[in-house]
Amino acid sequence: MKKVFTTGQVAKICKVAPRTVSKWFDSGRLRGYRIPGSQDRRIPREHLIKFLKEHGMPLGELEEEGLHKILIIGADKLFIDRVKELLPEADDFKYELAHSGFEAGIQAESFHPDTIVIDLAMGRSEAVQIAANLRRNPAYEATMIIGLASEDEAAPEALSNHGFSEAFKKPFDIALLAERIRSLVEEKRANM
């Protein structure tokens, strides 16, 4: 994931000539900076995305990068609707749902989620197995895996031994979970 682009890279993304990008830059429409002691221009990612959105241009591969993808496994419709309300797709959140371990594996491979929420109500052993399987794959080492533990879960913090990053014990305020995910997204974007 690039943080800064050359005029040539921006030209490829926008499907225009590099000279056009230079004109946008020189006129101040596309913000960036020059490398000291050279004429080379650099455009930070956030300025490029802002420019593309302002001019109604497609974001292309930048669009996927800007989204925070959440895979929800085994949760009920009420929970899913509430999370989508608190973390709307309009705010760059994208969702996929899975109802079984098999579906979860397929969705994880094709969707590449940033956060995975697994409801242990689907069956504790199946949920634990899903988390363990995901953690075995190097692609999901840094993925946030959140467990939604049932009321009778004796020690939800013990789920961290099974690959879960965090656990929320029911009943809990879904707004707290949404706030936790939002803070992770902001941390991730700050490090981009």
N, C-alpha and C. Protein backbone atom coordinates (compact mmCIF):
# COMPACT_ATOMS: atom_id res chain seq x y z
N MET A 1 0.84 -1.17 0.00
CA MET A 1 0.00 0.00 0.00
C MET A 1 0.89 1.24 0.00
N LYS A 2 0.87 1.96 -1.11
CA LYS A 2 1.73 3.14 -1.23
C LYS A 2 1.15 4.32 -0.48
N LYS A 3 2.05 5.14 0.06
CA LYS A 3 1.64 6.36 0.75
C LYS A 3 1.79 7.58 -0.14
N VAL A 4 2.78 7.51 -1.06
CA VAL A 4 3.11 8.64 -1.92
C VAL A 4 3.30 8.14 -3.35
N PHE A 5 2.81 8.93 -4.30
CA PHE A 5 2.88 8.52 -5.70
C PHE A 5 3.67 9.54 -6.53
N THR A 6 4.33 9.04 -7.59
CA THR A 6 4.99 9.91 -8.55
C THR A 6 3.92 10.37 -9.55
N THR A 7 4.25 11.37 -10.37
CA THR A 7 3.28 11.82 -11.38
C THR A 7 2.99 10.69 -12.37
N GLY A 8 3.98 9.88 -12.67
CA GLY A 8 3.78 8.74 -13.59
C GLY A 8 2.79 7.73 -13.02
N GLN A 9 2.91 7.45 -11.73
CA GLN A 9 1.99 6.50 -11.09
C GLN A 9 0.58 7.07 -11.05
N VAL A 10 0.47 8.36 -10.75
CA VAL A 10 -0.86 9.00 -10.73
C VAL A 10 -1.45 8.98 -12.14
N ALA A 11 -0.63 9.21 -13.14
CA ALA A 11 -1.10 9.19 -14.53
C ALA A 11 -1.69 7.83 -14.88
N LYS A 12 -1.02 6.76 -14.46
CA LYS A 12 -1.53 5.40 -14.71
C LYS A 12 -2.86 5.18 -14.03
N ILE A 13 -2.96 5.60 -12.76
CA ILE A 13 -4.19 5.42 -12.00
C ILE A 13 -5.34 6.19 -12.66
N CYS A 14 -5.05 7.43 -13.10
CA CYS A 14 -6.08 8.29 -13.69
C CYS A 14 -6.28 8.04 -15.19
N LYS A 15 -5.41 7.22 -15.76
CA LYS A 15 -5.45 6.93 -17.21
C LYS A 15 -5.34 8.21 -18.05
N VAL A 16 -4.33 9.02 -17.68
CA VAL A 16 -4.01 10.25 -18.42
C VAL A 16 -2.50 10.30 -18.64
N ALA A 17 -2.07 11.28 -19.41
CA ALA A 17 -0.63 11.45 -19.65
C ALA A 17 0.04 12.06 -18.42
N PRO A 18 1.30 11.70 -18.14
CA PRO A 18 2.01 12.29 -16.99
C PRO A 18 2.01 13.82 -17.05
N ARG A 19 2.05 14.38 -18.24
CA ARG A 19 2.05 15.84 -18.41
C ARG A 19 0.76 16.44 -17.83
N THR A 20 -0.35 15.74 -18.00
CA THR A 20 -1.64 16.21 -17.46
C THR A 20 -1.58 16.28 -15.94
N VAL A 21 -0.98 15.26 -15.33
CA VAL A 21 -0.85 15.24 -13.87
C VAL A 21 0.03 16.41 -13.42
N SER A 22 1.11 16.66 -14.16
CA SER A 22 1.99 17.78 -13.83
C SER A 22 1.23 19.11 -13.88
N LYS A 23 0.34 19.26 -14.88
CA LYS A 23 -0.46 20.49 -14.99
C LYS A 23 -1.40 20.62 -13.80
N TRP A 24 -2.04 19.51 -13.40
CA TRP A 24 -2.93 19.53 -12.23
C TRP A 24 -2.14 19.97 -11.00
N PHE A 25 -0.94 19.42 -10.88
CA PHE A 25 -0.08 19.72 -9.73
C PHE A 25 0.33 21.20 -9.74
N ASP A 26 0.85 21.66 -10.90
CA ASP A 26 1.36 23.03 -11.02
C ASP A 26 0.26 24.08 -10.83
N SER A 27 -0.97 23.73 -11.20
CA SER A 27 -2.08 24.68 -11.05
C SER A 27 -2.64 24.67 -9.63
N GLY A 28 -2.16 23.72 -8.80
CA GLY A 28 -2.62 23.65 -7.41
C GLY A 28 -3.88 22.82 -7.21
N ARG A 29 -4.41 22.25 -8.30
CA ARG A 29 -5.63 21.43 -8.15
C ARG A 29 -5.33 20.10 -7.48
N LEU A 30 -4.14 19.55 -7.75
CA LEU A 30 -3.71 18.29 -7.13
C LEU A 30 -2.56 18.64 -6.18
N ARG A 31 -2.81 18.44 -4.90
CA ARG A 31 -1.80 18.85 -3.91
C ARG A 31 -0.71 17.80 -3.73
N GLY A 32 0.48 18.30 -3.43
CA GLY A 32 1.62 17.42 -3.20
C GLY A 32 2.83 18.27 -2.87
N TYR A 33 3.99 17.72 -3.15
CA TYR A 33 5.23 18.48 -2.87
C TYR A 33 6.29 18.10 -3.89
N ARG A 34 7.32 18.96 -3.97
CA ARG A 34 8.46 18.68 -4.84
C ARG A 34 9.59 18.14 -3.98
N ILE A 35 10.37 17.24 -4.56
CA ILE A 35 11.54 16.71 -3.88
C ILE A 35 12.59 17.82 -3.88
N PRO A 36 13.15 18.16 -2.72
CA PRO A 36 14.15 19.25 -2.67
C PRO A 36 15.30 19.00 -3.65
N GLY A 37 15.69 20.07 -4.35
CA GLY A 37 16.81 19.99 -5.28
C GLY A 37 16.47 19.31 -6.60
N SER A 38 15.18 19.07 -6.84
CA SER A 38 14.78 18.41 -8.08
C SER A 38 13.41 18.94 -8.52
N GLN A 39 13.04 18.62 -9.70
CA GLN A 39 11.71 19.04 -10.20
C GLN A 39 10.67 17.94 -9.97
N ASP A 40 11.09 16.81 -9.41
CA ASP A 40 10.19 15.68 -9.23
C ASP A 40 9.07 16.02 -8.24
N ARG A 41 7.87 15.65 -8.62
CA ARG A 41 6.70 15.90 -7.79
C ARG A 41 6.28 14.61 -7.11
N ARG A 42 5.71 14.75 -5.90
CA ARG A 42 5.17 13.58 -5.17
C ARG A 42 3.78 13.95 -4.68
N ILE A 43 2.86 13.00 -4.82
CA ILE A 43 1.48 13.24 -4.41
C ILE A 43 1.12 12.24 -3.31
N PRO A 44 0.86 12.73 -2.09
CA PRO A 44 0.45 11.83 -1.01
C PRO A 44 -0.90 11.17 -1.33
N ARG A 45 -1.05 9.95 -0.88
CA ARG A 45 -2.22 9.14 -1.16
C ARG A 45 -3.53 9.86 -0.83
N GLU A 46 -3.60 10.48 0.37
CA GLU A 46 -4.85 11.12 0.79
C GLU A 46 -5.23 12.28 -0.13
N HIS A 47 -4.22 13.03 -0.66
CA HIS A 47 -4.52 14.13 -1.59
C HIS A 47 -5.01 13.59 -2.92
N LEU A 48 -4.43 12.47 -3.35
CA LEU A 48 -4.87 11.86 -4.60
C LEU A 48 -6.32 11.38 -4.49
N ILE A 49 -6.64 10.71 -3.39
CA ILE A 49 -8.01 10.21 -3.20
C ILE A 49 -8.99 11.37 -3.16
N LYS A 50 -8.64 12.43 -2.45
CA LYS A 50 -9.50 13.62 -2.35
C LYS A 50 -9.73 14.22 -3.75
N PHE A 51 -8.65 14.34 -4.52
CA PHE A 51 -8.73 14.90 -5.87
C PHE A 51 -9.65 14.04 -6.75
N LEU A 52 -9.47 12.73 -6.69
CA LEU A 52 -10.29 11.83 -7.51
C LEU A 52 -11.77 11.94 -7.14
N LYS A 53 -12.05 11.98 -5.83
CA LYS A 53 -13.45 12.08 -5.38
C LYS A 53 -14.06 13.42 -5.80
N GLU A 54 -13.30 14.52 -5.62
CA GLU A 54 -13.81 15.85 -5.97
C GLU A 54 -14.15 15.96 -7.45
N HIS A 55 -13.41 15.24 -8.28
CA HIS A 55 -13.62 15.33 -9.73
C HIS A 55 -14.43 14.16 -10.29
N GLY A 56 -15.01 13.37 -9.40
CA GLY A 56 -15.87 12.27 -9.85
C GLY A 56 -15.14 11.21 -10.64
N MET A 57 -13.86 11.06 -10.39
CA MET A 57 -13.07 10.06 -11.11
C MET A 57 -13.07 8.75 -10.32
N PRO A 58 -12.99 7.62 -11.02
CA PRO A 58 -12.97 6.33 -10.31
C PRO A 58 -11.69 6.17 -9.49
N LEU A 59 -11.83 5.57 -8.31
CA LEU A 59 -10.68 5.38 -7.43
C LEU A 59 -9.85 4.16 -7.82
N GLY A 60 -10.42 3.28 -8.63
CA GLY A 60 -9.67 2.10 -9.07
C GLY A 60 -9.15 1.30 -7.90
N GLU A 61 -7.86 0.93 -7.96
CA GLU A 61 -7.28 0.10 -6.90
C GLU A 61 -7.19 0.83 -5.56
N LEU A 62 -7.25 2.17 -5.57
CA LEU A 62 -7.22 2.93 -4.32
C LEU A 62 -8.49 2.72 -3.50
N GLU A 63 -9.59 2.41 -4.20
CA GLU A 63 -10.87 2.24 -3.51
C GLU A 63 -10.80 1.10 -2.51
N GLU A 64 -10.29 -0.03 -2.95
CA GLU A 64 -10.20 -1.19 -2.07
C GLU A 64 -9.33 -0.89 -0.86
N GLU A 65 -8.23 -0.16 -1.06
CA GLU A 65 -7.32 0.17 0.03
C GLU A 65 -8.00 1.01 1.10
N GLY A 66 -8.88 1.91 0.68
CA GLY A 66 -9.50 2.83 1.62
C GLY A 66 -10.60 2.21 2.44
N LEU A 67 -11.09 1.05 2.02
CA LEU A 67 -12.19 0.40 2.73
C LEU A 67 -11.67 -0.39 3.92
N HIS A 68 -12.48 -0.47 4.95
CA HIS A 68 -12.19 -1.38 6.06
C HIS A 68 -13.21 -2.51 5.92
N LYS A 69 -12.71 -3.70 5.62
CA LYS A 69 -13.60 -4.83 5.33
C LYS A 69 -13.82 -5.68 6.58
N ILE A 70 -15.09 -5.92 6.86
CA ILE A 70 -15.48 -6.67 8.05
C ILE A 70 -16.24 -7.92 7.63
N LEU A 71 -15.75 -9.06 8.09
CA LEU A 71 -16.42 -10.34 7.86
C LEU A 71 -17.11 -10.72 9.16
N ILE A 72 -18.43 -10.90 9.10
CA ILE A 72 -19.21 -11.28 10.28
C ILE A 72 -19.65 -12.72 10.11
N ILE A 73 -19.29 -13.55 11.08
CA ILE A 73 -19.56 -14.99 10.99
C ILE A 73 -20.53 -15.41 12.09
N GLY A 74 -21.65 -16.00 11.66
CA GLY A 74 -22.59 -16.63 12.59
C GLY A 74 -23.42 -15.71 13.44
N ALA A 75 -23.45 -14.42 13.15
CA ALA A 75 -24.21 -13.48 13.98
C ALA A 75 -25.66 -13.37 13.49
N ASP A 76 -26.54 -12.95 14.39
CA ASP A 76 -27.94 -12.81 14.01
C ASP A 76 -28.17 -11.48 13.28
N LYS A 77 -29.30 -11.41 12.57
CA LYS A 77 -29.61 -10.26 11.72
C LYS A 77 -29.67 -8.96 12.52
N LEU A 78 -30.21 -9.00 13.72
CA LEU A 78 -30.33 -7.80 14.56
C LEU A 78 -28.94 -7.20 14.84
N PHE A 79 -27.98 -8.07 15.20
CA PHE A 79 -26.61 -7.63 15.47
C PHE A 79 -26.00 -7.02 14.20
N ILE A 80 -26.13 -7.72 13.08
CA ILE A 80 -25.55 -7.27 11.81
C ILE A 80 -26.11 -5.90 11.42
N ASP A 81 -27.44 -5.75 11.54
CA ASP A 81 -28.07 -4.48 11.18
C ASP A 81 -27.56 -3.34 12.05
N ARG A 82 -27.38 -3.62 13.34
CA ARG A 82 -26.92 -2.59 14.28
C ARG A 82 -25.47 -2.18 13.98
N VAL A 83 -24.61 -3.16 13.70
CA VAL A 83 -23.21 -2.85 13.36
C VAL A 83 -23.16 -2.02 12.08
N LYS A 84 -23.95 -2.40 11.08
CA LYS A 84 -23.96 -1.65 9.81
C LYS A 84 -24.48 -0.23 10.01
N GLU A 85 -25.37 -0.07 10.98
CA GLU A 85 -25.90 1.26 11.29
C GLU A 85 -24.81 2.12 11.95
N LEU A 86 -24.03 1.51 12.85
CA LEU A 86 -22.98 2.24 13.57
C LEU A 86 -21.72 2.45 12.74
N LEU A 87 -21.44 1.51 11.84
CA LEU A 87 -20.27 1.60 10.96
C LEU A 87 -20.78 1.52 9.51
N PRO A 88 -21.37 2.61 9.01
CA PRO A 88 -22.04 2.54 7.70
C PRO A 88 -21.07 2.40 6.53
N GLU A 89 -21.59 1.79 5.47
CA GLU A 89 -20.78 1.60 4.26
C GLU A 89 -20.38 2.95 3.68
N ALA A 90 -21.19 3.99 3.95
CA ALA A 90 -20.86 5.34 3.47
C ALA A 90 -19.57 5.85 4.10
N ASP A 91 -19.21 5.31 5.27
CA ASP A 91 -17.96 5.69 5.95
C ASP A 91 -16.81 4.74 5.60
N ASP A 92 -16.88 4.12 4.45
CA ASP A 92 -15.83 3.22 3.94
C ASP A 92 -15.74 1.88 4.68
N PHE A 93 -16.86 1.38 5.17
CA PHE A 93 -16.90 0.03 5.73
C PHE A 93 -17.60 -0.86 4.72
N LYS A 94 -17.09 -2.07 4.57
CA LYS A 94 -17.70 -3.02 3.64
C LYS A 94 -17.87 -4.33 4.38
N TYR A 95 -18.99 -5.00 4.14
CA TYR A 95 -19.32 -6.20 4.90
C TYR A 95 -19.52 -7.42 4.02
N GLU A 96 -19.17 -8.56 4.59
CA GLU A 96 -19.54 -9.86 4.04
C GLU A 96 -19.99 -10.69 5.22
N LEU A 97 -20.87 -11.64 4.95
CA LEU A 97 -21.42 -12.48 6.01
C LEU A 97 -21.15 -13.94 5.70
N ALA A 98 -20.97 -14.72 6.75
CA ALA A 98 -20.81 -16.17 6.61
C ALA A 98 -21.61 -16.82 7.74
N HIS A 99 -22.16 -18.00 7.46
CA HIS A 99 -23.00 -18.67 8.45
C HIS A 99 -22.41 -19.99 8.93
N SER A 100 -21.27 -20.36 8.35
CA SER A 100 -20.63 -21.62 8.76
C SER A 100 -19.12 -21.48 8.62
N GLY A 101 -18.41 -22.45 9.17
CA GLY A 101 -16.96 -22.45 9.05
C GLY A 101 -16.51 -22.54 7.60
N PHE A 102 -17.21 -23.35 6.83
CA PHE A 102 -16.87 -23.53 5.42
C PHE A 102 -17.03 -22.21 4.67
N GLU A 103 -18.19 -21.56 4.87
CA GLU A 103 -18.46 -20.26 4.24
C GLU A 103 -17.43 -19.22 4.68
N ALA A 104 -17.08 -19.27 5.97
CA ALA A 104 -16.11 -18.31 6.53
C ALA A 104 -14.77 -18.42 5.81
N GLY A 105 -14.33 -19.64 5.57
CA GLY A 105 -13.06 -19.86 4.87
C GLY A 105 -13.09 -19.30 3.46
N ILE A 106 -14.18 -19.56 2.76
CA ILE A 106 -14.32 -19.07 1.38
C ILE A 106 -14.36 -17.54 1.36
N GLN A 107 -15.17 -16.95 2.26
CA GLN A 107 -15.29 -15.49 2.31
C GLN A 107 -13.96 -14.84 2.68
N ALA A 108 -13.26 -15.42 3.65
CA ALA A 108 -11.98 -14.84 4.09
C ALA A 108 -10.99 -14.82 2.92
N GLU A 109 -10.96 -15.88 2.13
CA GLU A 109 -10.02 -15.96 1.00
C GLU A 109 -10.35 -14.95 -0.09
N SER A 110 -11.64 -14.77 -0.40
CA SER A 110 -11.99 -13.89 -1.51
C SER A 110 -12.13 -12.43 -1.08
N PHE A 111 -12.53 -12.19 0.17
CA PHE A 111 -12.86 -10.84 0.65
C PHE A 111 -11.66 -10.14 1.31
N HIS A 112 -10.72 -10.90 1.86
CA HIS A 112 -9.55 -10.36 2.57
C HIS A 112 -9.95 -9.34 3.64
N PRO A 113 -10.71 -9.77 4.66
CA PRO A 113 -11.19 -8.82 5.67
C PRO A 113 -10.09 -8.26 6.57
N ASP A 114 -10.33 -7.04 7.06
CA ASP A 114 -9.43 -6.41 8.02
C ASP A 114 -9.82 -6.80 9.44
N THR A 115 -11.13 -7.00 9.65
CA THR A 115 -11.66 -7.40 10.94
C THR A 115 -12.63 -8.55 10.72
N ILE A 116 -12.55 -9.54 11.60
CA ILE A 116 -13.46 -10.68 11.54
C ILE A 116 -14.16 -10.77 12.89
N VAL A 117 -15.49 -10.80 12.85
CA VAL A 117 -16.29 -10.91 14.06
C VAL A 117 -16.95 -12.29 14.03
N ILE A 118 -16.67 -13.11 15.05
CA ILE A 118 -17.23 -14.46 15.11
C ILE A 118 -18.13 -14.57 16.33
N ASP A 119 -19.40 -14.91 16.09
CA ASP A 119 -20.35 -15.09 17.19
C ASP A 119 -20.26 -16.54 17.66
N LEU A 120 -19.88 -16.72 18.91
CA LEU A 120 -19.75 -18.07 19.45
C LEU A 120 -21.09 -18.78 19.62
N ALA A 121 -22.18 -18.04 19.41
CA ALA A 121 -23.51 -18.66 19.48
C ALA A 121 -23.70 -19.68 18.36
N MET A 122 -22.88 -19.59 17.32
CA MET A 122 -22.97 -20.56 16.21
C MET A 122 -22.49 -21.94 16.67
N GLY A 123 -21.87 -21.98 17.83
CA GLY A 123 -21.27 -23.21 18.36
C GLY A 123 -19.85 -22.86 18.75
N ARG A 124 -19.56 -22.97 20.03
CA ARG A 124 -18.25 -22.55 20.53
C ARG A 124 -17.11 -23.27 19.81
N SER A 125 -17.23 -24.59 19.68
CA SER A 125 -16.13 -25.35 19.08
C SER A 125 -15.91 -24.96 17.61
N GLU A 126 -17.01 -24.72 16.88
CA GLU A 126 -16.86 -24.32 15.47
C GLU A 126 -16.23 -22.93 15.39
N ALA A 127 -16.66 -22.02 16.26
CA ALA A 127 -16.12 -20.65 16.26
C ALA A 127 -14.63 -20.67 16.59
N VAL A 128 -14.25 -21.45 17.59
CA VAL A 128 -12.85 -21.55 17.99
C VAL A 128 -12.03 -22.15 16.85
N GLN A 129 -12.60 -23.15 16.17
CA GLN A 129 -11.92 -23.79 15.04
C GLN A 129 -11.69 -22.80 13.90
N ILE A 130 -12.70 -21.96 13.62
CA ILE A 130 -12.58 -20.95 12.56
C ILE A 130 -11.42 -20.00 12.88
N ALA A 131 -11.40 -19.49 14.13
CA ALA A 131 -10.34 -18.55 14.53
C ALA A 131 -8.97 -19.22 14.42
N ALA A 132 -8.87 -20.46 14.89
CA ALA A 132 -7.59 -21.18 14.85
C ALA A 132 -7.13 -21.38 13.41
N ASN A 133 -8.06 -21.77 12.53
CA ASN A 133 -7.72 -21.99 11.11
C ASN A 133 -7.25 -20.69 10.46
N LEU A 134 -7.92 -19.59 10.76
CA LEU A 134 -7.52 -18.30 10.18
C LEU A 134 -6.13 -17.90 10.65
N ARG A 135 -5.85 -18.10 11.93
CA ARG A 135 -4.55 -17.71 12.49
C ARG A 135 -3.41 -18.54 11.91
N ARG A 136 -3.70 -19.75 11.44
CA ARG A 136 -2.64 -20.58 10.83
C ARG A 136 -2.18 -20.00 9.50
N ASN A 137 -3.03 -19.20 8.88
CA ASN A 137 -2.71 -18.62 7.58
C ASN A 137 -1.97 -17.29 7.81
N PRO A 138 -0.75 -17.15 7.31
CA PRO A 138 0.03 -15.92 7.52
C PRO A 138 -0.71 -14.65 7.07
N ALA A 139 -1.63 -14.77 6.12
CA ALA A 139 -2.37 -13.60 5.63
C ALA A 139 -3.27 -13.01 6.71
N TYR A 140 -3.57 -13.78 7.76
CA TYR A 140 -4.49 -13.30 8.80
C TYR A 140 -3.79 -13.11 10.15
N GLU A 141 -2.46 -13.06 10.14
CA GLU A 141 -1.71 -12.86 11.39
C GLU A 141 -2.07 -11.53 12.05
N ALA A 142 -2.22 -10.47 11.26
CA ALA A 142 -2.48 -9.14 11.81
C ALA A 142 -3.97 -8.79 11.82
N THR A 143 -4.81 -9.68 11.31
CA THR A 143 -6.24 -9.42 11.25
C THR A 143 -6.84 -9.42 12.65
N MET A 144 -7.69 -8.46 12.92
CA MET A 144 -8.38 -8.39 14.21
C MET A 144 -9.51 -9.43 14.18
N ILE A 145 -9.45 -10.40 15.08
CA ILE A 145 -10.52 -11.41 15.18
C ILE A 145 -11.20 -11.21 16.53
N ILE A 146 -12.47 -10.84 16.46
CA ILE A 146 -13.24 -10.53 17.67
C ILE A 146 -14.26 -11.63 17.91
N GLY A 147 -14.27 -12.14 19.14
CA GLY A 147 -15.24 -13.16 19.52
C GLY A 147 -16.40 -12.54 20.29
N LEU A 148 -17.61 -12.98 19.95
CA LEU A 148 -18.79 -12.55 20.71
C LEU A 148 -19.16 -13.74 21.59
N ALA A 149 -18.76 -13.67 22.85
CA ALA A 149 -18.95 -14.79 23.78
C ALA A 149 -20.35 -14.76 24.38
N SER A 150 -20.89 -15.95 24.64
CA SER A 150 -22.21 -16.04 25.25
C SER A 150 -22.14 -15.67 26.73
N GLU A 151 -23.30 -15.44 27.30
CA GLU A 151 -23.38 -15.04 28.71
C GLU A 151 -22.73 -16.06 29.63
N ASP A 152 -22.84 -17.34 29.26
CA ASP A 152 -22.32 -18.40 30.14
C ASP A 152 -20.86 -18.74 29.88
N GLU A 153 -20.19 -17.97 29.02
CA GLU A 153 -18.75 -18.16 28.78
C GLU A 153 -18.02 -17.80 30.08
N ALA A 154 -17.37 -18.79 30.68
CA ALA A 154 -16.75 -18.59 31.99
C ALA A 154 -15.64 -17.53 31.94
N ALA A 155 -14.73 -17.65 30.98
CA ALA A 155 -13.60 -16.72 30.91
C ALA A 155 -13.39 -16.29 29.46
N PRO A 156 -14.13 -15.26 29.02
CA PRO A 156 -14.00 -14.83 27.61
C PRO A 156 -12.57 -14.44 27.24
N GLU A 157 -11.79 -13.96 28.24
CA GLU A 157 -10.40 -13.57 27.95
C GLU A 157 -9.55 -14.77 27.54
N ALA A 158 -9.98 -15.98 27.91
CA ALA A 158 -9.25 -17.20 27.53
C ALA A 158 -9.35 -17.48 26.03
N LEU A 159 -10.29 -16.81 25.35
CA LEU A 159 -10.43 -17.00 23.90
C LEU A 159 -9.17 -16.54 23.17
N SER A 160 -8.38 -15.67 23.80
CA SER A 160 -7.15 -15.21 23.15
C SER A 160 -6.18 -16.38 22.92
N ASN A 161 -6.33 -17.46 23.71
CA ASN A 161 -5.50 -18.65 23.50
C ASN A 161 -5.90 -19.40 22.23
N HIS A 162 -7.06 -19.06 21.68
CA HIS A 162 -7.56 -19.76 20.49
C HIS A 162 -7.51 -18.89 19.24
N GLY A 163 -6.77 -17.79 19.29
CA GLY A 163 -6.60 -16.96 18.09
C GLY A 163 -7.43 -15.70 18.07
N PHE A 164 -8.29 -15.51 19.06
CA PHE A 164 -9.10 -14.29 19.09
C PHE A 164 -8.26 -13.13 19.61
N SER A 165 -8.41 -11.95 19.00
CA SER A 165 -7.70 -10.76 19.45
C SER A 165 -8.39 -10.18 20.68
N GLU A 166 -9.72 -10.20 20.63
CA GLU A 166 -10.52 -9.64 21.72
C GLU A 166 -11.82 -10.41 21.81
N ALA A 167 -12.47 -10.30 22.98
CA ALA A 167 -13.78 -10.93 23.16
C ALA A 167 -14.72 -9.95 23.84
N PHE A 168 -15.96 -9.96 23.41
CA PHE A 168 -17.02 -9.18 24.03
C PHE A 168 -18.03 -10.19 24.57
N LYS A 169 -18.33 -10.09 25.86
CA LYS A 169 -19.26 -11.03 26.49
C LYS A 169 -20.66 -10.45 26.44
N LYS A 170 -21.61 -11.27 25.95
CA LYS A 170 -23.01 -10.84 25.88
C LYS A 170 -23.60 -10.80 27.27
N PRO A 171 -24.52 -9.92 27.57
CA PRO A 171 -24.96 -8.81 26.71
C PRO A 171 -23.95 -7.66 26.78
N PHE A 172 -23.70 -7.04 25.67
CA PHE A 172 -22.80 -5.88 25.63
C PHE A 172 -23.41 -4.86 24.69
N ASP A 173 -22.93 -3.63 24.83
CA ASP A 173 -23.42 -2.55 23.98
C ASP A 173 -22.69 -2.64 22.64
N ILE A 174 -23.42 -2.85 21.58
CA ILE A 174 -22.82 -3.00 20.25
C ILE A 174 -22.06 -1.73 19.86
N ALA A 175 -22.47 -0.60 20.41
CA ALA A 175 -21.77 0.66 20.13
C ALA A 175 -20.32 0.60 20.61
N LEU A 176 -20.06 -0.14 21.70
CA LEU A 176 -18.68 -0.30 22.19
C LEU A 176 -17.84 -1.09 21.19
N LEU A 177 -18.42 -2.15 20.64
CA LEU A 177 -17.72 -2.94 19.62
C LEU A 177 -17.45 -2.07 18.40
N ALA A 178 -18.46 -1.32 17.96
CA ALA A 178 -18.30 -0.45 16.79
C ALA A 178 -17.21 0.59 17.04
N GLU A 179 -17.18 1.13 18.24
CA GLU A 179 -16.17 2.14 18.59
C GLU A 179 -14.78 1.52 18.58
N ARG A 180 -14.66 0.28 19.06
CA ARG A 180 -13.37 -0.42 19.05
C ARG A 180 -12.88 -0.63 17.62
N ILE A 181 -13.79 -1.05 16.74
CA ILE A 181 -13.42 -1.27 15.33
C ILE A 181 -13.02 0.06 14.70
N ARG A 182 -13.80 1.11 14.97
CA ARG A 182 -13.49 2.42 14.40
C ARG A 182 -12.11 2.91 14.85
N SER A 183 -11.77 2.68 16.14
CA SER A 183 -10.45 3.12 16.62
C SER A 183 -9.33 2.32 15.95
N LEU A 184 -9.56 1.04 15.66
CA LEU A 184 -8.57 0.23 14.94
C LEU A 184 -8.36 0.77 13.53
N VAL A 185 -9.45 1.14 12.90
CA VAL A 185 -9.38 1.68 11.54
C VAL A 185 -8.57 2.97 11.53
N GLU A 186 -8.83 3.83 12.52
CA GLU A 186 -8.10 5.09 12.57
C GLU A 186 -6.61 4.87 12.83
N GLU A 187 -6.28 3.88 13.68
CA GLU A 187 -4.87 3.54 13.92
C GLU A 187 -4.22 3.07 12.62
N LYS A 188 -4.94 2.19 11.90
CA LYS A 188 -4.41 1.63 10.66
C LYS A 188 -4.19 2.75 9.62
N ARG A 189 -5.17 3.65 9.50
CA ARG A 189 -5.05 4.72 8.51
C ARG A 189 -3.94 5.69 8.87
N ALA A 190 -3.72 5.90 10.16
CA ALA A 190 -2.65 6.79 10.61
C ALA A 190 -1.29 6.22 10.25
N ASN A 191 -1.20 4.89 10.15
CA ASN A 191 0.07 4.23 9.84
C ASN A 191 0.24 3.96 8.35
N MET A 192 -0.72 4.38 7.53
CA MET A 192 -0.64 4.11 6.09
C MET A 192 0.46 4.92 5.45
